[in-house]
Amino acid sequence: MTITRHTAACALRALLGYADRLHPAALLVLVLVLAGLAQTAAPYVVTLFTALVTLVKAGAFVAGALILGRLAVRLAAMVRSIPTAPPAPSIPTPRPVP
C-alpha cells in the first residue's frame, strides 16, 4: 500500500475529526506535533516565497528593459525617417560703410 497525498489528507482529517474524543494528553501531543511541523516548515515557506518575489521582480525588470529597447528602436527609426530641412538661405552680413 502506498501513502498518497489523498490518503494522508483523509487520515489527518479523521484524526482531527476525532480530536474532541482524544485524551487530553494525546490532544496535547497532537497540537505539539502540528506546531512542530509548522515551525519546521516556516523557513522553507519563507524561502520559497522570497524566491517567488525575486522571480517576479526579475521578470518585471526584464519586461521593462524589453519595452525600453523597443521604444529606443522605434525612436531611432523615426529620427532616421525625418526628412532633413533644406539649408537656410545665406543672409549677407552688413558691412560698415567707409
N, C-alpha and C. Protein backbone atom coordinates (compact mmCIF):
# COMPACT_ATOMS: atom_id res chain seq x y z
N MET A 1 0.84 -1.18 0.00
CA MET A 1 0.00 0.00 0.00
C MET A 1 0.89 1.24 0.00
N THR A 2 0.60 2.15 -0.88
CA THR A 2 1.38 3.38 -0.93
C THR A 2 0.59 4.49 -0.27
N ILE A 3 1.32 5.38 0.35
CA ILE A 3 0.69 6.52 1.01
C ILE A 3 0.69 7.68 0.02
N THR A 4 -0.49 8.06 -0.38
CA THR A 4 -0.62 9.17 -1.31
C THR A 4 -1.03 10.43 -0.55
N ARG A 5 -1.06 11.51 -1.26
CA ARG A 5 -1.48 12.76 -0.63
C ARG A 5 -2.93 12.67 -0.17
N HIS A 6 -3.74 11.98 -0.96
CA HIS A 6 -5.16 11.85 -0.62
C HIS A 6 -5.35 11.03 0.65
N THR A 7 -4.65 9.90 0.76
CA THR A 7 -4.81 9.08 1.95
C THR A 7 -4.27 9.78 3.19
N ALA A 8 -3.17 10.54 3.02
CA ALA A 8 -2.62 11.27 4.17
C ALA A 8 -3.60 12.35 4.61
N ALA A 9 -4.23 13.03 3.65
CA ALA A 9 -5.21 14.06 3.99
C ALA A 9 -6.43 13.45 4.67
N CYS A 10 -6.86 12.30 4.18
CA CYS A 10 -8.01 11.63 4.82
C CYS A 10 -7.67 11.21 6.24
N ALA A 11 -6.46 10.70 6.46
CA ALA A 11 -6.05 10.29 7.80
C ALA A 11 -5.97 11.49 8.73
N LEU A 12 -5.41 12.58 8.25
CA LEU A 12 -5.31 13.78 9.08
C LEU A 12 -6.70 14.34 9.39
N ARG A 13 -7.59 14.32 8.39
CA ARG A 13 -8.96 14.80 8.61
C ARG A 13 -9.67 13.92 9.64
N ALA A 14 -9.48 12.62 9.54
CA ALA A 14 -10.11 11.71 10.50
C ALA A 14 -9.54 11.93 11.90
N LEU A 15 -8.20 12.14 11.96
CA LEU A 15 -7.57 12.36 13.26
C LEU A 15 -8.07 13.66 13.88
N LEU A 16 -8.18 14.71 13.07
CA LEU A 16 -8.68 15.97 13.60
C LEU A 16 -10.18 15.90 13.90
N GLY A 17 -10.91 15.05 13.17
CA GLY A 17 -12.33 14.88 13.44
C GLY A 17 -12.58 14.21 14.78
N TYR A 18 -11.66 13.35 15.17
CA TYR A 18 -11.80 12.66 16.46
C TYR A 18 -11.03 13.37 17.56
N ALA A 19 -10.59 14.58 17.32
CA ALA A 19 -9.78 15.29 18.30
C ALA A 19 -10.55 15.56 19.58
N ASP A 20 -11.86 15.78 19.47
CA ASP A 20 -12.63 16.04 20.69
C ASP A 20 -12.79 14.80 21.55
N ARG A 21 -12.56 13.62 20.98
CA ARG A 21 -12.67 12.38 21.74
C ARG A 21 -11.33 11.91 22.29
N LEU A 22 -10.26 12.62 21.90
CA LEU A 22 -8.93 12.20 22.35
C LEU A 22 -8.72 12.51 23.82
N HIS A 23 -7.80 11.74 24.40
CA HIS A 23 -7.37 12.01 25.76
C HIS A 23 -6.64 13.35 25.76
N PRO A 24 -6.77 14.13 26.81
CA PRO A 24 -6.11 15.44 26.82
C PRO A 24 -4.60 15.37 26.55
N ALA A 25 -3.94 14.33 27.03
CA ALA A 25 -2.50 14.21 26.79
C ALA A 25 -2.24 13.92 25.31
N ALA A 26 -3.07 13.10 24.69
CA ALA A 26 -2.91 12.81 23.27
C ALA A 26 -3.21 14.05 22.43
N LEU A 27 -4.20 14.83 22.86
CA LEU A 27 -4.51 16.06 22.17
C LEU A 27 -3.35 17.05 22.27
N LEU A 28 -2.71 17.10 23.45
CA LEU A 28 -1.55 17.96 23.62
C LEU A 28 -0.40 17.52 22.72
N VAL A 29 -0.20 16.21 22.61
CA VAL A 29 0.85 15.70 21.73
C VAL A 29 0.53 16.05 20.27
N LEU A 30 -0.74 15.91 19.89
CA LEU A 30 -1.14 16.24 18.53
C LEU A 30 -0.89 17.72 18.23
N VAL A 31 -1.26 18.59 19.17
CA VAL A 31 -1.04 20.02 18.97
C VAL A 31 0.45 20.33 18.89
N LEU A 32 1.24 19.70 19.74
CA LEU A 32 2.68 19.94 19.71
C LEU A 32 3.32 19.44 18.42
N VAL A 33 2.84 18.29 17.92
CA VAL A 33 3.37 17.77 16.66
C VAL A 33 3.01 18.72 15.50
N LEU A 34 1.76 19.18 15.46
CA LEU A 34 1.37 20.11 14.40
C LEU A 34 2.12 21.44 14.51
N ALA A 35 2.33 21.92 15.73
CA ALA A 35 3.09 23.16 15.90
C ALA A 35 4.55 22.95 15.48
N GLY A 36 5.10 21.79 15.80
CA GLY A 36 6.47 21.49 15.37
C GLY A 36 6.59 21.42 13.87
N LEU A 37 5.60 20.82 13.22
CA LEU A 37 5.61 20.79 11.76
C LEU A 37 5.53 22.20 11.17
N ALA A 38 4.71 23.04 11.76
CA ALA A 38 4.60 24.41 11.27
C ALA A 38 5.91 25.16 11.49
N GLN A 39 6.54 24.96 12.63
CA GLN A 39 7.82 25.62 12.91
C GLN A 39 8.91 25.12 11.97
N THR A 40 8.87 23.83 11.64
CA THR A 40 9.88 23.26 10.74
C THR A 40 9.67 23.75 9.31
N ALA A 41 8.42 23.88 8.89
CA ALA A 41 8.14 24.26 7.51
C ALA A 41 8.26 25.76 7.28
N ALA A 42 8.23 26.57 8.32
CA ALA A 42 8.22 28.02 8.14
C ALA A 42 9.43 28.55 7.37
N PRO A 43 10.67 28.13 7.66
CA PRO A 43 11.80 28.67 6.88
C PRO A 43 11.71 28.31 5.41
N TYR A 44 11.22 27.12 5.11
CA TYR A 44 11.10 26.71 3.71
C TYR A 44 10.03 27.53 3.00
N VAL A 45 8.94 27.79 3.68
CA VAL A 45 7.86 28.58 3.09
C VAL A 45 8.34 30.00 2.83
N VAL A 46 9.06 30.57 3.80
CA VAL A 46 9.58 31.93 3.63
C VAL A 46 10.59 31.97 2.49
N THR A 47 11.45 30.95 2.42
CA THR A 47 12.45 30.92 1.34
C THR A 47 11.77 30.80 -0.02
N LEU A 48 10.78 29.94 -0.14
CA LEU A 48 10.06 29.80 -1.41
C LEU A 48 9.33 31.08 -1.78
N PHE A 49 8.72 31.74 -0.80
CA PHE A 49 8.02 32.99 -1.08
C PHE A 49 9.00 34.07 -1.52
N THR A 50 10.17 34.13 -0.86
CA THR A 50 11.19 35.10 -1.25
C THR A 50 11.68 34.82 -2.66
N ALA A 51 11.88 33.56 -3.00
CA ALA A 51 12.32 33.21 -4.35
C ALA A 51 11.25 33.60 -5.37
N LEU A 52 10.00 33.40 -5.04
CA LEU A 52 8.92 33.76 -5.94
C LEU A 52 8.88 35.27 -6.17
N VAL A 53 9.02 36.05 -5.10
CA VAL A 53 9.03 37.51 -5.23
C VAL A 53 10.23 37.96 -6.06
N THR A 54 11.39 37.31 -5.86
CA THR A 54 12.58 37.66 -6.63
C THR A 54 12.37 37.37 -8.11
N LEU A 55 11.76 36.25 -8.42
CA LEU A 55 11.49 35.92 -9.82
C LEU A 55 10.52 36.92 -10.46
N VAL A 56 9.51 37.33 -9.71
CA VAL A 56 8.55 38.29 -10.24
C VAL A 56 9.24 39.64 -10.48
N LYS A 57 10.10 40.05 -9.54
CA LYS A 57 10.82 41.31 -9.73
C LYS A 57 11.77 41.23 -10.92
N ALA A 58 12.45 40.12 -11.08
CA ALA A 58 13.36 39.96 -12.21
C ALA A 58 12.58 39.97 -13.52
N GLY A 59 11.44 39.32 -13.54
CA GLY A 59 10.61 39.33 -14.74
C GLY A 59 10.13 40.73 -15.09
N ALA A 60 9.75 41.50 -14.07
CA ALA A 60 9.32 42.88 -14.33
C ALA A 60 10.49 43.72 -14.84
N PHE A 61 11.68 43.48 -14.30
CA PHE A 61 12.86 44.22 -14.75
C PHE A 61 13.17 43.90 -16.21
N VAL A 62 13.13 42.62 -16.56
CA VAL A 62 13.41 42.22 -17.95
C VAL A 62 12.33 42.75 -18.88
N ALA A 63 11.07 42.70 -18.46
CA ALA A 63 9.99 43.23 -19.30
C ALA A 63 10.15 44.73 -19.51
N GLY A 64 10.53 45.45 -18.47
CA GLY A 64 10.77 46.88 -18.62
C GLY A 64 11.93 47.17 -19.55
N ALA A 65 12.99 46.36 -19.46
CA ALA A 65 14.12 46.54 -20.36
C ALA A 65 13.72 46.28 -21.81
N LEU A 66 12.89 45.26 -22.02
CA LEU A 66 12.43 44.98 -23.38
C LEU A 66 11.57 46.12 -23.93
N ILE A 67 10.70 46.65 -23.09
CA ILE A 67 9.85 47.76 -23.53
C ILE A 67 10.71 48.98 -23.88
N LEU A 68 11.68 49.29 -23.02
CA LEU A 68 12.55 50.43 -23.31
C LEU A 68 13.38 50.19 -24.57
N GLY A 69 13.82 48.97 -24.79
CA GLY A 69 14.56 48.65 -26.01
C GLY A 69 13.71 48.85 -27.26
N ARG A 70 12.48 48.39 -27.20
CA ARG A 70 11.58 48.59 -28.35
C ARG A 70 11.33 50.06 -28.61
N LEU A 71 11.15 50.82 -27.53
CA LEU A 71 10.95 52.26 -27.70
C LEU A 71 12.19 52.93 -28.31
N ALA A 72 13.36 52.49 -27.89
CA ALA A 72 14.59 53.06 -28.44
C ALA A 72 14.72 52.75 -29.93
N VAL A 73 14.36 51.54 -30.33
CA VAL A 73 14.44 51.17 -31.75
C VAL A 73 13.43 51.98 -32.55
N ARG A 74 12.22 52.14 -32.02
CA ARG A 74 11.20 52.93 -32.72
C ARG A 74 11.62 54.38 -32.85
N LEU A 75 12.20 54.93 -31.79
CA LEU A 75 12.64 56.31 -31.83
C LEU A 75 13.76 56.49 -32.85
N ALA A 76 14.69 55.54 -32.88
CA ALA A 76 15.79 55.63 -33.85
C ALA A 76 15.25 55.55 -35.28
N ALA A 77 14.27 54.69 -35.53
CA ALA A 77 13.70 54.59 -36.87
C ALA A 77 12.93 55.86 -37.23
N MET A 78 12.27 56.44 -36.24
CA MET A 78 11.52 57.66 -36.51
C MET A 78 12.47 58.82 -36.80
N VAL A 79 13.55 58.92 -36.05
CA VAL A 79 14.50 60.00 -36.28
C VAL A 79 15.15 59.85 -37.64
N ARG A 80 15.42 58.63 -38.06
CA ARG A 80 16.03 58.41 -39.37
C ARG A 80 15.10 58.79 -40.51
N SER A 81 13.80 58.62 -40.29
CA SER A 81 12.87 58.86 -41.38
C SER A 81 12.45 60.33 -41.49
N ILE A 82 12.85 61.17 -40.55
CA ILE A 82 12.50 62.59 -40.63
C ILE A 82 13.33 63.22 -41.75
N PRO A 83 12.68 63.86 -42.70
CA PRO A 83 13.46 64.48 -43.79
C PRO A 83 14.26 65.66 -43.25
N THR A 84 15.41 65.83 -43.83
CA THR A 84 16.25 66.94 -43.37
C THR A 84 15.74 68.24 -43.99
N ALA A 85 15.90 69.30 -43.27
CA ALA A 85 15.44 70.60 -43.74
C ALA A 85 16.41 71.12 -44.80
N PRO A 86 15.88 71.86 -45.76
CA PRO A 86 16.80 72.43 -46.75
C PRO A 86 17.73 73.43 -46.07
N PRO A 87 18.89 73.65 -46.64
CA PRO A 87 19.81 74.58 -45.98
C PRO A 87 19.21 75.99 -45.95
N ALA A 88 19.47 76.65 -44.90
CA ALA A 88 18.94 78.01 -44.73
C ALA A 88 19.62 78.95 -45.74
N PRO A 89 18.86 79.90 -46.26
CA PRO A 89 19.49 80.84 -47.20
C PRO A 89 20.52 81.69 -46.47
N SER A 90 21.56 81.95 -47.16
CA SER A 90 22.61 82.74 -46.51
C SER A 90 22.22 84.21 -46.53
N ILE A 91 22.29 84.80 -45.42
CA ILE A 91 21.95 86.22 -45.29
C ILE A 91 23.27 86.98 -45.27
N PRO A 92 23.44 87.91 -46.17
CA PRO A 92 24.71 88.65 -46.15
C PRO A 92 24.82 89.49 -44.89
N THR A 93 25.99 89.50 -44.36
CA THR A 93 26.20 90.29 -43.15
C THR A 93 26.44 91.74 -43.55
N PRO A 94 25.86 92.65 -42.86
CA PRO A 94 26.05 94.07 -43.22
C PRO A 94 27.50 94.50 -42.97
N ARG A 95 28.01 95.25 -43.90
CA ARG A 95 29.38 95.74 -43.75
C ARG A 95 29.32 97.22 -43.44
N PRO A 96 30.19 97.66 -42.63
CA PRO A 96 30.15 99.10 -42.32
C PRO A 96 30.55 99.94 -43.54
N VAL A 97 29.90 101.02 -43.69
CA VAL A 97 30.18 101.91 -44.83
C VAL A 97 31.45 102.71 -44.49
N PRO A 98 32.43 102.78 -45.46
CA PRO A 98 33.67 103.56 -45.15
C PRO A 98 33.48 105.04 -45.23
